[in-house]
Amino acid sequence: MNVPLTQESKEVLKKIAKEMKLPEGLERLSPHEILIHKGFVPNMRVEGHVIVNEALLPMLVEEYEASGHLKGGMGSGFLPSLVQVANVGSLPGIVGRSLAMPDVHAGYGFAIGNVAAMDMADPDAVVSPGGVGFDINCGVRLLRTNLHVDDVPKDKIEALIKALQRDVPVGVGRGGVKTFSREELEQVLQKGMKYLVDQDLCWPEDLEMVEEGGCMPMADPSAVSSRAKARGLSQAGSLGSGNHFLELQVVHEIADDEGAKVMGLFPGQICVMIHTGSRGLGHQVCTDFLQTMDKAMPQQGIKLNDRQLACARIKSKEGQDYLKAMSAAANFAFANRSIMTYAVRKVFAEIFGKSDRDLEMSVVYDVCHNMAKIERDHTLNGEKKELLVHRKGATRAFGPHTSVLPSKYKDIGQPVLVAGSMGTFSWVLLGTDEAMKKSFGSACHGAGRQLSRHKALKEITKDSVFKAMTEKNISLAVSKRNLVAEEAAEAYKDVDAVVESCHEAGISKKCVKLRPLGVLKG
């Protein structure tokens, strides 16, 4: 089942999925959706709903079967993703269904790819750090240029990658493009990208092309611990490690001419995709509040299927403090991607001998993957609702004419940036009205792992990864060659199958396919 899947492999998997007897408690709703009935695990308040097509379903069931049918409990370690999605359905205040996107895989508490909405009017409703994740506001930004691939020979690609590796710190615990003073960091946590505009570190018009305008309104630096702040002081404008990347790409294929035109994308165009988050600062915020909420739950009378779902009532002091700290960490992540954008623009100007303005290096869009947001654009059972929507490893995918979208995208829907695995395609999708009805305006965020990092290192060699990248004519720069197999394409699901699942289910639609030319990895 290694990716990318051939057409023959896809047909085989479809046949397996059609003949597969689903575990008890699961029901196939359509070729691209399954339902998790109440009772699959104890205490479920709502059903589970997984968007997954027949090419991906066998992997999901295999993971569950290999786990020995674990169903909840307070044990340590990761539960299979189907059980995690069901456990999330037991949280107080959850409405609709506990949802999973087709790139779903096991995570901490919540599965990665899990979406859960809490009713803000319910006094018992909770917020869970595990529903956001350790890398708060891990996300993706796409930059366009006016360059055509025919005007950028291979030596220029290699020069760009080398210069980016020189100027953008990568790896665990590395420094950043910008080292802030304590006072400056407080401003970043409070104001996000708005502070960077004042410092000439990003273009003013960038803000409109970023979720929340690059600034989460609930942010309060006083809710962020000193230890978290210390970890963020020198990391602004850094890539980090793991699946984060900075990638030079070319527009390979256009599936929606109107959407591409509105976004300023054309065939053969050079683009840059940045995938990173809040670094050590966000990780520490999550760690701090998992401990806080673990202590608060007995006082608030909260009992859970899985201790990793540690949570607090939204209206409680612990819940409010977490939302303030999470928002501040999200602002740091917006700033991190923006300062990396600043570095990318400088490198392009250096290599091509033109200003970044002359190269028209504008932000197409910037999306969040790990967030809990208070949203007012949802209707449930015919009634307008204010919801706290947890998206962990999932992208907001709001449909056309949603109130919070930039005016530029009102008619086409929100751009949904889907990062592929190393050496494979990435996608730009568009949010839909169906997503607003079916998935709280959410879609997939990437390919999704199918091998753990440990297993990938055992089964894939670093030499095979470098050979594959060379054969694909992709320039690759990494901080640690011996760990590159962790991020090999074979360790991930087929991103095209993931995107196809979302497209078939109607929760997003294909617009632009991007092919990698050069990759910088942590």
Protein backbone atom coordinates (compact mmCIF):
# COMPACT_ATOMS: atom_id res chain seq x y z
CA MET A 1 0.00 0.00 0.00
CA ASN A 2 2.96 2.33 -0.44
CA VAL A 3 2.23 5.58 -2.23
CA PRO A 4 1.74 6.77 -4.88
CA LEU A 5 -0.92 4.23 -5.79
CA THR A 6 -1.09 3.06 -9.37
CA GLN A 7 -4.49 2.83 -11.05
CA GLU A 8 -4.21 -0.95 -10.83
CA SER A 9 -3.55 -0.71 -7.07
CA LYS A 10 -6.53 1.59 -6.63
CA GLU A 11 -8.81 -0.88 -8.39
CA VAL A 12 -7.52 -3.72 -6.20
CA LEU A 13 -8.15 -1.68 -3.06
CA LYS A 14 -11.64 -0.75 -4.24
CA LYS A 15 -12.40 -4.43 -4.72
CA ILE A 16 -11.04 -5.23 -1.24
CA ALA A 17 -13.12 -2.43 0.27
CA LYS A 18 -16.32 -3.58 -1.43
CA GLU A 19 -15.82 -7.15 -0.20
CA MET A 20 -14.56 -6.12 3.23
CA LYS A 21 -16.75 -6.92 6.20
CA LEU A 22 -16.61 -3.82 8.36
CA PRO A 23 -16.08 -4.27 12.09
CA GLU A 24 -19.23 -4.29 14.22
CA GLY A 25 -20.49 -0.78 14.84
CA LEU A 26 -19.36 0.59 11.46
CA GLU A 27 -21.70 1.19 8.54
CA ARG A 28 -20.88 2.16 4.97
CA LEU A 29 -22.92 5.26 4.06
CA SER A 30 -21.47 5.60 0.55
CA PRO A 31 -18.30 4.63 -1.35
CA HIS A 32 -16.58 7.57 0.35
CA GLU A 33 -18.12 7.68 3.84
CA ILE A 34 -18.58 5.40 6.86
CA LEU A 35 -20.61 5.88 10.02
CA ILE A 36 -19.46 4.93 13.53
CA HIS A 37 -22.57 4.04 15.52
CA LYS A 38 -23.10 5.03 19.12
CA GLY A 39 -21.96 2.15 21.28
CA PHE A 40 -18.78 1.53 19.28
CA VAL A 41 -17.11 2.79 22.47
CA PRO A 42 -18.89 3.60 25.76
CA ASN A 43 -20.51 6.96 26.53
CA MET A 44 -20.84 8.24 22.96
CA ARG A 45 -23.08 11.31 22.77
CA VAL A 46 -22.91 11.56 18.96
CA GLU A 47 -22.04 9.26 16.08
CA GLY A 48 -18.72 9.28 14.25
CA HIS A 49 -18.47 10.10 10.55
CA VAL A 50 -15.36 9.26 8.52
CA ILE A 51 -14.76 10.60 5.01
CA VAL A 52 -12.72 7.82 3.39
CA ASN A 53 -12.94 6.31 -0.09
CA GLU A 54 -12.39 2.73 -1.13
CA ALA A 55 -8.70 3.24 -1.89
CA LEU A 56 -8.03 4.32 1.71
CA LEU A 57 -10.58 2.32 3.73
CA PRO A 58 -8.51 -0.92 3.92
CA MET A 59 -5.68 0.96 5.69
CA LEU A 60 -8.10 2.36 8.26
CA VAL A 61 -9.65 -1.03 9.02
CA GLU A 62 -6.23 -2.73 9.09
CA GLU A 63 -5.04 -0.24 11.72
CA TYR A 64 -8.12 -1.01 13.82
CA GLU A 65 -7.84 -4.79 13.43
CA ALA A 66 -4.12 -4.73 14.25
CA SER A 67 -4.87 -2.93 17.52
CA GLY A 68 -6.76 -5.93 18.89
CA HIS A 69 -10.03 -3.98 18.87
CA LEU A 70 -9.03 -1.68 21.73
CA LYS A 71 -12.05 0.32 22.77
CA GLY A 72 -11.25 3.30 24.95
CA GLY A 73 -9.86 2.96 28.45
CA MET A 74 -7.30 5.00 30.34
CA GLY A 75 -4.25 3.23 28.95
CA SER A 76 -1.18 5.01 27.65
CA GLY A 77 -0.05 4.99 24.05
CA PHE A 78 -2.05 5.58 20.87
CA LEU A 79 -5.43 4.01 20.22
CA PRO A 80 -6.45 3.24 16.62
CA SER A 81 -7.92 6.27 14.89
CA LEU A 82 -11.44 4.81 14.58
CA VAL A 83 -11.55 4.39 18.37
CA GLN A 84 -10.18 7.89 18.89
CA VAL A 85 -12.84 9.40 16.63
CA ALA A 86 -15.49 7.50 18.58
CA ASN A 87 -14.03 8.59 21.94
CA VAL A 88 -14.19 12.22 20.83
CA GLY A 89 -17.91 11.60 20.30
CA SER A 90 -18.20 11.16 24.06
CA LEU A 91 -16.99 14.67 24.98
CA PRO A 92 -19.45 16.98 26.80
CA GLY A 93 -21.07 19.57 24.55
CA ILE A 94 -20.20 17.95 21.22
CA VAL A 95 -22.81 18.44 18.50
CA GLY A 96 -23.46 16.92 15.08
CA ARG A 97 -20.93 14.13 14.69
CA SER A 98 -17.31 13.46 15.54
CA LEU A 99 -15.77 13.80 12.09
CA ALA A 100 -12.62 12.43 10.49
CA MET A 101 -11.01 13.48 7.24
CA PRO A 102 -9.55 10.92 4.79
CA ASP A 103 -5.95 11.56 5.94
CA VAL A 104 -6.95 10.41 9.46
CA HIS A 105 -4.41 8.54 11.57
CA ALA A 106 -3.72 7.99 15.26
CA GLY A 107 -2.76 11.00 17.35
CA TYR A 108 -2.71 12.17 20.95
CA GLY A 109 -6.27 11.92 22.29
CA PHE A 110 -7.95 13.11 19.12
CA ALA A 111 -7.01 11.37 15.89
CA ILE A 112 -5.08 13.52 13.46
CA GLY A 113 -7.74 14.53 10.96
CA ASN A 114 -10.45 14.72 13.66
CA VAL A 115 -12.99 17.58 13.70
CA ALA A 116 -15.32 18.23 16.64
CA ALA A 117 -17.72 21.12 17.23
CA MET A 118 -18.86 22.18 20.70
CA ASP A 119 -22.02 24.21 21.32
CA MET A 120 -20.97 27.49 22.95
CA ALA A 121 -24.47 27.79 24.46
CA ASP A 122 -24.03 24.52 26.39
CA PRO A 123 -22.53 25.25 29.84
CA ASP A 124 -21.07 21.73 29.94
CA ALA A 125 -19.25 22.06 26.59
CA VAL A 126 -15.48 21.55 26.75
CA VAL A 127 -12.30 22.59 24.99
CA SER A 128 -9.53 19.98 24.67
CA PRO A 129 -5.85 20.71 23.91
CA GLY A 130 -5.67 17.24 22.34
CA GLY A 131 -8.25 18.46 19.81
CA VAL A 132 -5.80 21.13 18.67
CA GLY A 133 -2.51 19.31 19.03
CA PHE A 134 0.98 20.13 20.25
CA ASP A 135 1.93 22.19 17.19
CA ILE A 136 -0.71 24.90 17.60
CA ASN A 137 -1.59 26.52 14.26
CA CYS A 138 0.62 24.25 12.26
CA GLY A 139 -0.44 25.42 8.83
CA VAL A 140 0.39 26.03 5.19
CA ARG A 141 1.02 29.21 3.23
CA LEU A 142 1.20 29.42 -0.56
CA LEU A 143 3.11 32.22 -2.32
CA ARG A 144 2.76 32.92 -6.02
CA THR A 145 5.29 34.52 -8.37
CA ASN A 146 5.09 35.79 -11.94
CA LEU A 147 7.85 33.37 -12.99
CA HIS A 148 7.25 30.54 -15.46
CA VAL A 149 9.06 27.26 -15.00
CA ASP A 150 10.61 27.58 -18.48
CA ASP A 151 12.44 30.68 -17.23
CA VAL A 152 13.85 28.91 -14.15
CA PRO A 153 16.48 26.32 -15.15
CA LYS A 154 17.64 23.54 -12.84
CA ASP A 155 20.70 25.48 -11.66
CA LYS A 156 18.44 28.33 -10.52
CA ILE A 157 16.27 25.87 -8.55
CA GLU A 158 19.37 24.49 -6.84
CA ALA A 159 20.63 28.02 -6.13
CA LEU A 160 17.28 28.92 -4.58
CA ILE A 161 17.25 25.83 -2.36
CA LYS A 162 20.84 26.43 -1.22
CA ALA A 163 20.12 30.07 -0.42
CA LEU A 164 16.94 29.14 1.45
CA GLN A 165 18.85 26.52 3.43
CA ARG A 166 21.40 29.24 4.26
CA ASP A 167 18.81 31.79 5.40
CA VAL A 168 15.99 29.71 6.94
CA PRO A 169 16.95 27.72 10.06
CA VAL A 170 15.69 24.13 10.10
CA GLY A 171 15.66 21.24 12.57
CA VAL A 172 14.95 20.77 16.25
CA GLY A 173 15.79 23.69 18.54
CA ARG A 174 17.48 25.76 15.84
CA GLY A 175 17.41 29.57 15.81
CA GLY A 176 15.16 31.71 13.63
CA VAL A 177 15.40 34.42 10.99
CA LYS A 178 14.42 36.88 13.74
CA THR A 179 15.33 36.88 17.42
CA PHE A 180 12.82 38.89 19.42
CA SER A 181 13.32 40.72 22.67
CA ARG A 182 10.89 39.85 25.48
CA GLU A 183 8.91 43.01 24.72
CA GLU A 184 8.77 42.25 20.99
CA LEU A 185 7.62 38.68 21.63
CA GLU A 186 4.77 40.00 23.79
CA GLN A 187 3.68 42.15 20.84
CA VAL A 188 3.82 39.19 18.44
CA LEU A 189 1.76 37.02 20.81
CA GLN A 190 -0.82 39.79 21.16
CA LYS A 191 -0.98 41.14 17.59
CA GLY A 192 0.39 38.39 15.34
CA MET A 193 1.07 39.60 11.81
CA LYS A 194 -0.23 43.08 12.57
CA TYR A 195 2.91 43.72 14.59
CA LEU A 196 5.10 42.53 11.70
CA VAL A 197 3.51 45.05 9.33
CA ASP A 198 4.61 47.83 11.69
CA GLN A 199 8.15 46.38 11.60
CA ASP A 200 8.22 46.12 7.76
CA LEU A 201 8.53 42.33 8.04
CA CYS A 202 5.46 41.58 5.92
CA TRP A 203 3.34 43.29 3.30
CA PRO A 204 0.18 44.98 4.63
CA GLU A 205 -1.96 43.18 2.03
CA ASP A 206 -0.70 39.78 3.29
CA LEU A 207 -3.07 40.05 6.26
CA GLU A 208 -6.23 39.73 4.17
CA MET A 209 -5.00 36.44 2.69
CA VAL A 210 -4.50 34.78 6.10
CA GLU A 211 -7.14 33.16 8.32
CA GLU A 212 -8.29 35.58 11.01
CA GLY A 213 -6.26 38.31 9.30
CA GLY A 214 -3.17 36.83 10.92
CA CYS A 215 -4.34 37.76 14.43
CA MET A 216 -6.50 35.71 16.79
CA PRO A 217 -8.63 38.17 18.80
CA MET A 218 -8.65 36.16 22.06
CA ALA A 219 -4.86 36.17 22.34
CA ASP A 220 -3.50 37.08 25.76
CA PRO A 221 0.28 36.77 26.33
CA SER A 222 -0.24 36.69 30.10
CA ALA A 223 -1.84 33.22 29.69
CA VAL A 224 1.39 31.87 28.13
CA SER A 225 3.95 30.47 30.56
CA SER A 226 7.45 31.92 30.89
CA ARG A 227 8.89 28.60 29.74
CA ALA A 228 6.80 28.68 26.54
CA LYS A 229 7.89 32.25 25.83
CA ALA A 230 11.52 31.34 26.40
CA ARG A 231 11.23 28.58 23.80
CA GLY A 232 9.83 31.02 21.24
CA LEU A 233 12.26 33.93 21.64
CA SER A 234 14.73 32.75 19.00
CA GLN A 235 12.51 30.58 16.79
CA ALA A 236 10.55 33.13 14.73
CA GLY A 237 11.16 32.40 11.07
CA SER A 238 12.25 28.77 11.42
CA LEU A 239 11.01 25.59 9.81
CA GLY A 240 11.42 23.05 12.59
CA SER A 241 11.55 19.31 11.96
CA GLY A 242 9.26 16.38 11.14
CA ASN A 243 6.90 16.85 8.22
CA HIS A 244 7.46 20.60 7.97
CA PHE A 245 8.91 21.85 4.71
CA LEU A 246 9.59 24.77 2.43
CA GLU A 247 8.98 23.74 -1.16
CA LEU A 248 9.47 25.28 -4.60
CA GLN A 249 6.59 24.16 -6.78
CA VAL A 250 5.16 24.53 -10.25
CA VAL A 251 1.47 24.66 -11.19
CA HIS A 252 1.15 21.26 -12.82
CA GLU A 253 -2.56 21.02 -13.59
CA ILE A 254 -5.66 23.19 -13.26
CA ALA A 255 -9.00 21.57 -12.54
CA ASP A 256 -11.03 24.75 -11.96
CA ASP A 257 -10.17 27.58 -14.36
CA GLU A 258 -12.24 30.23 -12.59
CA GLY A 259 -10.85 29.43 -9.14
CA ALA A 260 -7.26 29.41 -10.41
CA LYS A 261 -7.75 32.72 -12.19
CA VAL A 262 -9.15 34.38 -9.07
CA MET A 263 -6.14 33.13 -7.07
CA GLY A 264 -3.74 34.37 -9.75
CA LEU A 265 -2.46 30.89 -10.61
CA PHE A 266 -1.58 29.73 -14.14
CA PRO A 267 -0.02 26.60 -15.73
CA GLY A 268 3.76 26.42 -15.37
CA GLN A 269 3.85 29.09 -12.65
CA ILE A 270 6.51 28.97 -9.94
CA CYS A 271 5.07 28.98 -6.41
CA VAL A 272 6.41 28.48 -2.89
CA MET A 273 4.67 26.45 -0.18
CA ILE A 274 5.59 26.89 3.50
CA HIS A 275 4.45 24.29 6.04
CA THR A 276 5.29 24.99 9.68
CA GLY A 277 3.68 26.06 12.97
CA SER A 278 4.31 27.53 16.40
CA ARG A 279 7.47 25.55 17.15
CA GLY A 280 8.53 25.02 20.77
CA LEU A 281 6.30 27.79 22.07
CA GLY A 282 3.10 26.10 20.90
CA HIS A 283 4.29 22.70 22.07
CA GLN A 284 4.89 24.06 25.55
CA VAL A 285 1.46 25.74 25.67
CA CYS A 286 -0.18 22.40 24.89
CA THR A 287 1.96 20.56 27.45
CA ASP A 288 1.18 23.16 30.15
CA PHE A 289 -2.57 23.00 29.65
CA LEU A 290 -2.80 19.23 29.39
CA GLN A 291 -1.41 19.19 32.93
CA THR A 292 -3.72 22.01 34.04
CA MET A 293 -6.82 20.31 32.67
CA ASP A 294 -5.87 16.90 34.02
CA LYS A 295 -6.05 18.47 37.49
CA ALA A 296 -9.21 20.49 36.73
CA MET A 297 -11.36 17.63 35.39
CA PRO A 298 -12.21 16.04 38.78
CA GLN A 299 -13.21 19.46 40.11
CA GLN A 300 -15.48 20.01 37.08
CA GLY A 301 -16.99 16.52 37.26
CA ILE A 302 -15.61 15.44 33.87
CA LYS A 303 -14.99 11.73 33.20
CA LEU A 304 -13.42 10.56 29.95
CA ASN A 305 -12.91 7.38 27.93
CA ASP A 306 -9.26 8.33 27.38
CA ARG A 307 -7.12 10.47 29.66
CA GLN A 308 -5.39 11.97 26.60
CA LEU A 309 -8.66 13.83 25.88
CA ALA A 310 -8.00 16.03 28.96
CA CYS A 311 -10.33 19.02 28.75
CA ALA A 312 -12.12 21.76 30.68
CA ARG A 313 -15.45 23.52 30.40
CA ILE A 314 -15.15 26.28 27.80
CA LYS A 315 -16.55 28.86 30.22
CA SER A 316 -14.28 27.80 33.11
CA LYS A 317 -11.11 29.70 34.00
CA GLU A 318 -8.98 26.81 32.72
CA GLY A 319 -10.91 26.69 29.45
CA GLN A 320 -10.71 30.44 28.90
CA ASP A 321 -7.03 30.58 29.82
CA TYR A 322 -6.27 27.81 27.33
CA LEU A 323 -8.12 29.62 24.51
CA LYS A 324 -6.18 32.81 25.30
CA ALA A 325 -2.83 30.99 25.34
CA MET A 326 -3.68 28.91 22.26
CA SER A 327 -4.63 32.10 20.38
CA ALA A 328 -1.33 33.72 21.36
CA ALA A 329 0.58 30.65 20.16
CA ALA A 330 -1.43 30.76 16.92
CA ASN A 331 -0.35 34.39 16.46
CA PHE A 332 3.26 33.27 16.88
CA ALA A 333 2.73 30.66 14.14
CA PHE A 334 1.24 33.27 11.80
CA ALA A 335 4.29 35.42 12.50
CA ASN A 336 6.62 32.45 11.98
CA ARG A 337 5.26 31.76 8.49
CA SER A 338 5.34 35.49 7.73
CA ILE A 339 8.98 35.92 8.71
CA MET A 340 9.83 32.87 6.61
CA THR A 341 7.93 34.58 3.77
CA TYR A 342 10.13 37.65 4.33
CA ALA A 343 13.23 35.44 3.99
CA VAL A 344 11.88 33.69 0.88
CA ARG A 345 11.14 37.01 -0.80
CA LYS A 346 14.68 38.23 -0.08
CA VAL A 347 16.20 35.05 -1.53
CA PHE A 348 14.15 35.28 -4.73
CA ALA A 349 15.12 38.94 -5.11
CA GLU A 350 18.80 37.99 -4.69
CA ILE A 351 18.74 35.08 -7.16
CA PHE A 352 16.66 36.80 -9.86
CA GLY A 353 18.00 40.35 -9.45
CA LYS A 354 14.50 41.80 -9.09
CA SER A 355 12.52 43.07 -6.13
CA ASP A 356 9.96 40.81 -4.50
CA ARG A 357 7.33 43.32 -5.63
CA ASP A 358 8.50 43.05 -9.24
CA LEU A 359 8.30 39.26 -8.89
CA GLU A 360 4.71 39.68 -7.60
CA MET A 361 5.36 37.37 -4.64
CA SER A 362 1.94 37.72 -3.05
CA VAL A 363 0.30 35.37 -0.55
CA VAL A 364 -2.37 33.22 -2.22
CA TYR A 365 -3.67 32.08 1.18
CA ASP A 366 -2.54 30.84 4.60
CA VAL A 367 -4.51 28.10 6.39
CA CYS A 368 -4.43 26.67 9.91
CA HIS A 369 -4.41 22.91 10.61
CA ASN A 370 -4.35 22.67 14.40
CA MET A 371 -6.84 25.09 15.94
CA ALA A 372 -10.00 25.52 18.00
CA LYS A 373 -12.01 28.47 16.73
CA ILE A 374 -15.23 30.14 17.81
CA GLU A 375 -17.28 30.30 14.60
CA ARG A 376 -20.68 31.82 13.83
CA ASP A 377 -21.20 30.62 10.24
CA HIS A 378 -22.74 27.24 11.06
CA THR A 379 -26.33 26.02 10.96
CA LEU A 380 -27.37 22.94 12.90
CA ASN A 381 -30.86 21.46 12.54
CA GLY A 382 -31.96 24.67 10.83
CA GLU A 383 -30.69 26.89 13.65
CA LYS A 384 -27.74 29.30 13.54
CA LYS A 385 -25.16 28.21 16.10
CA GLU A 386 -22.05 29.65 17.68
CA LEU A 387 -19.64 26.73 17.85
CA LEU A 388 -16.13 26.06 19.07
CA VAL A 389 -14.73 23.94 16.24
CA HIS A 390 -11.66 21.81 16.98
CA ARG A 391 -9.70 20.97 13.84
CA LYS A 392 -6.69 18.75 14.46
CA GLY A 393 -4.87 17.94 11.26
CA ALA A 394 -7.80 19.35 9.28
CA THR A 395 -8.23 22.51 7.21
CA ARG A 396 -11.09 24.99 7.37
CA ALA A 397 -12.95 24.73 4.04
CA PHE A 398 -15.64 27.42 4.14
CA GLY A 399 -17.93 27.66 1.12
CA PRO A 400 -18.68 30.66 -1.09
CA HIS A 401 -20.15 33.79 0.50
CA THR A 402 -19.17 32.80 4.05
CA SER A 403 -18.86 35.96 6.10
CA VAL A 404 -15.20 35.63 7.17
CA LEU A 405 -13.70 35.05 3.71
CA PRO A 406 -11.67 37.75 1.96
CA SER A 407 -13.76 39.64 -0.60
CA LYS A 408 -11.51 38.20 -3.32
CA TYR A 409 -12.67 34.66 -2.52
CA LYS A 410 -16.33 35.25 -1.67
CA ASP A 411 -17.57 33.81 -4.98
CA ILE A 412 -15.29 30.75 -5.21
CA GLY A 413 -14.98 29.59 -1.59
CA GLN A 414 -11.96 29.39 0.67
CA PRO A 415 -8.69 28.07 -0.75
CA VAL A 416 -7.79 24.79 0.99
CA LEU A 417 -4.05 24.11 0.87
CA VAL A 418 -3.24 20.40 1.02
CA ALA A 419 0.43 19.56 1.54
CA GLY A 420 1.64 16.39 -0.14
CA SER A 421 4.36 14.10 1.20
CA MET A 422 7.98 14.61 0.17
CA GLY A 423 8.35 14.31 -3.58
CA THR A 424 4.62 14.04 -4.32
CA PHE A 425 2.01 16.53 -5.50
CA SER A 426 0.29 19.12 -3.32
CA TRP A 427 -3.15 20.56 -4.00
CA VAL A 428 -5.20 23.70 -3.76
CA LEU A 429 -8.86 22.83 -3.21
CA LEU A 430 -11.85 25.12 -2.72
CA GLY A 431 -14.31 25.03 0.17
CA THR A 432 -17.95 24.23 -0.62
CA ASP A 433 -21.48 24.74 0.64
CA GLU A 434 -21.62 20.97 1.21
CA ALA A 435 -18.69 21.26 3.63
CA MET A 436 -20.69 23.78 5.65
CA LYS A 437 -23.53 21.25 5.91
CA LYS A 438 -21.53 18.04 6.35
CA SER A 439 -18.16 18.76 8.01
CA PHE A 440 -18.48 22.10 9.83
CA GLY A 441 -16.64 23.65 6.88
CA SER A 442 -13.64 21.30 7.09
CA ALA A 443 -11.52 19.21 4.72
CA CYS A 444 -8.24 17.26 4.72
CA HIS A 445 -4.86 18.85 5.44
CA GLY A 446 -2.33 16.53 3.80
CA ALA A 447 -1.53 12.96 2.87
CA GLY A 448 -1.62 11.51 6.40
CA ARG A 449 0.89 8.99 7.71
CA GLN A 450 0.53 5.28 7.06
CA LEU A 451 3.86 4.26 8.66
CA SER A 452 5.13 5.46 12.02
CA ARG A 453 8.47 7.28 11.99
CA HIS A 454 10.09 4.27 13.67
CA LYS A 455 8.67 1.85 11.12
CA ALA A 456 9.62 4.12 8.23
CA LEU A 457 13.24 4.19 9.40
CA LYS A 458 13.22 0.37 9.59
CA GLU A 459 11.62 -0.24 6.19
CA ILE A 460 12.97 2.61 4.03
CA THR A 461 16.60 3.54 3.43
CA LYS A 462 17.86 7.10 3.13
CA ASP A 463 19.65 6.17 -0.10
CA SER A 464 16.37 5.06 -1.70
CA VAL A 465 14.79 8.40 -0.76
CA PHE A 466 17.58 10.47 -2.31
CA LYS A 467 17.56 8.24 -5.39
CA ALA A 468 13.79 8.71 -5.81
CA MET A 469 14.10 12.49 -5.51
CA THR A 470 16.92 12.55 -8.05
CA GLU A 471 14.87 10.44 -10.48
CA LYS A 472 12.01 12.91 -10.12
CA ASN A 473 14.44 15.79 -10.77
CA ILE A 474 13.69 17.35 -7.38
CA SER A 475 16.41 19.23 -5.49
CA LEU A 476 16.47 18.18 -1.83
CA ALA A 477 18.14 19.83 1.16
CA VAL A 478 17.79 18.29 4.63
CA SER A 479 19.34 18.96 8.02
CA LYS A 480 19.86 15.27 8.92
CA ARG A 481 20.33 12.83 6.03
CA ASN A 482 20.02 9.78 8.27
CA LEU A 483 16.44 10.72 9.26
CA VAL A 484 15.12 11.53 5.80
CA ALA A 485 13.37 8.13 5.52
CA GLU A 486 10.93 9.27 8.24
CA GLU A 487 9.40 11.62 5.67
CA ALA A 488 9.62 9.41 2.58
CA ALA A 489 6.56 9.32 0.35
CA GLU A 490 6.12 5.64 1.22
CA ALA A 491 5.48 6.61 4.85
CA TYR A 492 2.36 8.51 3.80
CA LYS A 493 -0.96 7.79 2.15
CA ASP A 494 -1.57 8.70 -1.48
CA VAL A 495 -2.41 12.42 -1.37
CA ASP A 496 -4.39 12.11 -4.63
CA ALA A 497 -6.62 9.45 -3.02
CA VAL A 498 -7.08 11.69 0.04
CA VAL A 499 -8.04 14.65 -2.15
CA GLU A 500 -10.31 12.44 -4.24
CA SER A 501 -12.16 11.38 -1.07
CA CYS A 502 -12.88 15.01 -0.16
CA HIS A 503 -13.88 15.82 -3.73
CA GLU A 504 -16.21 12.80 -3.97
CA ALA A 505 -17.82 13.63 -0.62
CA GLY A 506 -18.34 17.22 -1.78
CA ILE A 507 -16.56 18.84 1.19
CA SER A 508 -14.05 20.51 -1.14
CA LYS A 509 -13.41 20.56 -4.85
CA LYS A 510 -10.21 20.21 -6.84
CA CYS A 511 -8.72 23.40 -8.23
CA VAL A 512 -4.92 23.34 -8.72
CA LYS A 513 -2.32 20.56 -8.57
CA LEU A 514 1.25 21.54 -7.67
CA ARG A 515 4.42 19.57 -8.49
CA PRO A 516 7.58 19.91 -6.37
CA LEU A 517 10.82 21.21 -7.91
CA GLY A 518 12.91 21.68 -4.77
CA VAL A 519 12.41 20.82 -1.10
CA LEU A 520 13.95 22.12 2.14
CA LYS A 521 13.23 19.78 5.06
CA GLY A 522 13.97 19.91 8.77
